[in-house]
Amino acid sequence: MDVSKFDRLLLLEQEAQQAYVVFRHGETEEDRTQGKQTHLSKSEEINEIIRSFTPEELDSYHQFRRDRG
C-alpha cells in the first residue's frame, strides 16, 4: 500500500475536522455554511478512499494511524 495514500487520508481528516469547527463556530452564517459544505465534501472523499481499500489495506491503514498517533 502506498503510504502517500495514507498521508492523503490523514490530511483530508484534518481538513474535515477544521471545516467542522468552522461549521460549528464560524462568525457568520456564510462561514458556517461553507464549513459545513467543506466538511461534507472532505468526509465523502475520505469515505470513497476507504471504501476502495482491500481488507489488508484497511488493516494497514489502521496500523499506520496508530503508529502516527
N, C-alpha and C. Protein backbone atom coordinates (compact mmCIF):
# COMPACT_ATOMS: atom_id res chain seq x y z
N MET A 1 0.84 -1.19 0.00
CA MET A 1 0.00 0.00 0.00
C MET A 1 0.87 1.24 0.00
N ASP A 2 0.50 2.20 -0.76
CA ASP A 2 1.24 3.44 -0.88
C ASP A 2 1.01 4.32 0.35
N VAL A 3 2.08 4.57 1.10
CA VAL A 3 1.96 5.37 2.31
C VAL A 3 1.45 6.77 1.99
N SER A 4 1.77 7.29 0.81
CA SER A 4 1.29 8.62 0.46
C SER A 4 -0.25 8.66 0.44
N LYS A 5 -0.88 7.56 0.12
CA LYS A 5 -2.34 7.48 0.16
C LYS A 5 -2.82 7.63 1.61
N PHE A 6 -2.08 7.02 2.52
CA PHE A 6 -2.40 7.15 3.94
C PHE A 6 -2.21 8.60 4.40
N ASP A 7 -1.10 9.20 3.97
CA ASP A 7 -0.86 10.61 4.32
C ASP A 7 -1.98 11.49 3.78
N ARG A 8 -2.43 11.21 2.58
CA ARG A 8 -3.53 11.97 1.98
C ARG A 8 -4.80 11.85 2.83
N LEU A 9 -5.07 10.65 3.31
CA LEU A 9 -6.23 10.46 4.17
C LEU A 9 -6.10 11.24 5.47
N LEU A 10 -4.93 11.22 6.07
CA LEU A 10 -4.73 11.99 7.30
C LEU A 10 -4.94 13.48 7.05
N LEU A 11 -4.45 13.97 5.93
CA LEU A 11 -4.64 15.38 5.59
C LEU A 11 -6.12 15.69 5.39
N LEU A 12 -6.82 14.83 4.67
CA LEU A 12 -8.26 15.04 4.47
C LEU A 12 -9.01 15.03 5.80
N GLU A 13 -8.63 14.14 6.70
CA GLU A 13 -9.28 14.08 8.01
C GLU A 13 -9.04 15.36 8.79
N GLN A 14 -7.83 15.90 8.72
CA GLN A 14 -7.54 17.17 9.39
C GLN A 14 -8.35 18.31 8.78
N GLU A 15 -8.42 18.34 7.46
CA GLU A 15 -9.19 19.39 6.77
C GLU A 15 -10.67 19.28 7.11
N ALA A 16 -11.19 18.07 7.17
CA ALA A 16 -12.60 17.87 7.52
C ALA A 16 -12.85 18.33 8.95
N GLN A 17 -11.93 18.03 9.85
CA GLN A 17 -12.08 18.44 11.25
C GLN A 17 -12.05 19.96 11.37
N GLN A 18 -11.13 20.61 10.67
CA GLN A 18 -11.06 22.07 10.69
C GLN A 18 -12.33 22.69 10.13
N ALA A 19 -12.85 22.13 9.05
CA ALA A 19 -14.08 22.65 8.45
C ALA A 19 -15.25 22.47 9.39
N TYR A 20 -15.26 21.37 10.15
CA TYR A 20 -16.35 21.14 11.11
C TYR A 20 -16.32 22.22 12.20
N VAL A 21 -15.13 22.58 12.66
CA VAL A 21 -15.01 23.64 13.67
C VAL A 21 -15.57 24.94 13.13
N VAL A 22 -15.27 25.27 11.87
CA VAL A 22 -15.82 26.48 11.26
C VAL A 22 -17.34 26.37 11.17
N PHE A 23 -17.84 25.22 10.78
CA PHE A 23 -19.28 24.99 10.69
C PHE A 23 -19.95 25.24 12.05
N ARG A 24 -19.35 24.74 13.11
CA ARG A 24 -19.96 24.86 14.44
C ARG A 24 -19.73 26.23 15.08
N HIS A 25 -18.62 26.89 14.76
CA HIS A 25 -18.25 28.10 15.50
C HIS A 25 -17.91 29.29 14.61
N GLY A 26 -18.22 29.22 13.32
CA GLY A 26 -17.92 30.33 12.42
C GLY A 26 -18.63 31.61 12.84
N GLU A 27 -18.01 32.74 12.52
CA GLU A 27 -18.56 34.03 12.94
C GLU A 27 -19.81 34.42 12.17
N THR A 28 -19.88 34.03 10.90
CA THR A 28 -21.04 34.42 10.09
C THR A 28 -21.76 33.17 9.58
N GLU A 29 -22.97 33.38 9.15
CA GLU A 29 -23.74 32.27 8.56
C GLU A 29 -23.04 31.74 7.31
N GLU A 30 -22.45 32.65 6.54
CA GLU A 30 -21.72 32.23 5.34
C GLU A 30 -20.53 31.34 5.71
N ASP A 31 -19.79 31.73 6.75
CA ASP A 31 -18.67 30.89 7.22
C ASP A 31 -19.16 29.51 7.62
N ARG A 32 -20.25 29.47 8.38
CA ARG A 32 -20.78 28.18 8.85
C ARG A 32 -21.26 27.32 7.70
N THR A 33 -21.92 27.95 6.72
CA THR A 33 -22.39 27.20 5.55
C THR A 33 -21.22 26.64 4.76
N GLN A 34 -20.20 27.46 4.54
CA GLN A 34 -19.01 26.99 3.81
C GLN A 34 -18.31 25.88 4.59
N GLY A 35 -18.21 26.03 5.91
CA GLY A 35 -17.60 25.00 6.73
C GLY A 35 -18.34 23.68 6.63
N LYS A 36 -19.66 23.76 6.64
CA LYS A 36 -20.47 22.54 6.53
C LYS A 36 -20.25 21.87 5.18
N GLN A 37 -20.29 22.66 4.11
CA GLN A 37 -20.10 22.11 2.76
C GLN A 37 -18.72 21.48 2.60
N THR A 38 -17.71 22.16 3.13
CA THR A 38 -16.34 21.63 3.04
C THR A 38 -16.21 20.34 3.84
N HIS A 39 -16.77 20.35 5.04
CA HIS A 39 -16.72 19.15 5.89
C HIS A 39 -17.38 17.96 5.18
N LEU A 40 -18.54 18.18 4.61
CA LEU A 40 -19.25 17.10 3.93
C LEU A 40 -18.48 16.58 2.72
N SER A 41 -17.90 17.49 1.94
CA SER A 41 -17.16 17.04 0.75
C SER A 41 -15.89 16.30 1.13
N LYS A 42 -15.18 16.77 2.15
CA LYS A 42 -13.96 16.07 2.61
C LYS A 42 -14.33 14.71 3.18
N SER A 43 -15.42 14.65 3.93
CA SER A 43 -15.85 13.38 4.52
C SER A 43 -16.21 12.37 3.43
N GLU A 44 -16.87 12.82 2.39
CA GLU A 44 -17.23 11.93 1.29
C GLU A 44 -15.98 11.43 0.58
N GLU A 45 -15.02 12.32 0.38
CA GLU A 45 -13.76 11.91 -0.26
C GLU A 45 -13.03 10.87 0.60
N ILE A 46 -13.02 11.07 1.90
CA ILE A 46 -12.42 10.10 2.82
C ILE A 46 -13.12 8.75 2.69
N ASN A 47 -14.43 8.77 2.72
CA ASN A 47 -15.20 7.53 2.64
C ASN A 47 -14.96 6.79 1.32
N GLU A 48 -14.86 7.52 0.23
CA GLU A 48 -14.60 6.89 -1.07
C GLU A 48 -13.25 6.18 -1.07
N ILE A 49 -12.25 6.82 -0.52
CA ILE A 49 -10.92 6.21 -0.47
C ILE A 49 -10.94 4.96 0.40
N ILE A 50 -11.54 5.07 1.57
CA ILE A 50 -11.58 3.93 2.50
C ILE A 50 -12.37 2.77 1.90
N ARG A 51 -13.47 3.08 1.21
CA ARG A 51 -14.26 2.01 0.58
C ARG A 51 -13.47 1.28 -0.50
N SER A 52 -12.47 1.94 -1.07
CA SER A 52 -11.67 1.32 -2.13
C SER A 52 -10.59 0.39 -1.57
N PHE A 53 -10.36 0.43 -0.27
CA PHE A 53 -9.33 -0.40 0.34
C PHE A 53 -9.72 -1.87 0.36
N THR A 54 -8.73 -2.72 0.18
CA THR A 54 -8.92 -4.15 0.45
C THR A 54 -8.89 -4.31 1.97
N PRO A 55 -9.34 -5.44 2.50
CA PRO A 55 -9.25 -5.64 3.95
C PRO A 55 -7.82 -5.50 4.48
N GLU A 56 -6.85 -5.96 3.71
CA GLU A 56 -5.45 -5.85 4.14
C GLU A 56 -5.00 -4.38 4.18
N GLU A 57 -5.41 -3.62 3.17
CA GLU A 57 -5.07 -2.20 3.14
C GLU A 57 -5.72 -1.47 4.31
N LEU A 58 -6.95 -1.82 4.61
CA LEU A 58 -7.64 -1.20 5.72
C LEU A 58 -6.92 -1.50 7.04
N ASP A 59 -6.51 -2.74 7.24
CA ASP A 59 -5.74 -3.09 8.43
C ASP A 59 -4.44 -2.29 8.49
N SER A 60 -3.76 -2.18 7.35
CA SER A 60 -2.51 -1.42 7.29
C SER A 60 -2.75 0.05 7.61
N TYR A 61 -3.86 0.59 7.12
CA TYR A 61 -4.17 1.99 7.40
C TYR A 61 -4.43 2.21 8.89
N HIS A 62 -5.18 1.31 9.50
CA HIS A 62 -5.43 1.45 10.94
C HIS A 62 -4.12 1.37 11.72
N GLN A 63 -3.23 0.48 11.34
CA GLN A 63 -1.93 0.38 11.99
C GLN A 63 -1.11 1.66 11.76
N PHE A 64 -1.15 2.18 10.55
CA PHE A 64 -0.46 3.43 10.22
C PHE A 64 -0.95 4.56 11.12
N ARG A 65 -2.24 4.66 11.31
CA ARG A 65 -2.80 5.72 12.17
C ARG A 65 -2.38 5.54 13.61
N ARG A 66 -2.38 4.30 14.09
CA ARG A 66 -1.93 4.05 15.47
C ARG A 66 -0.47 4.44 15.63
N ASP A 67 0.34 4.10 14.64
CA ASP A 67 1.77 4.42 14.70
C ASP A 67 2.04 5.92 14.63
N ARG A 68 1.20 6.63 13.89
CA ARG A 68 1.38 8.08 13.72
C ARG A 68 0.79 8.87 14.88
N GLY A 69 0.00 8.22 15.71
CA GLY A 69 -0.59 8.88 16.86
C GLY A 69 -1.78 9.63 16.47
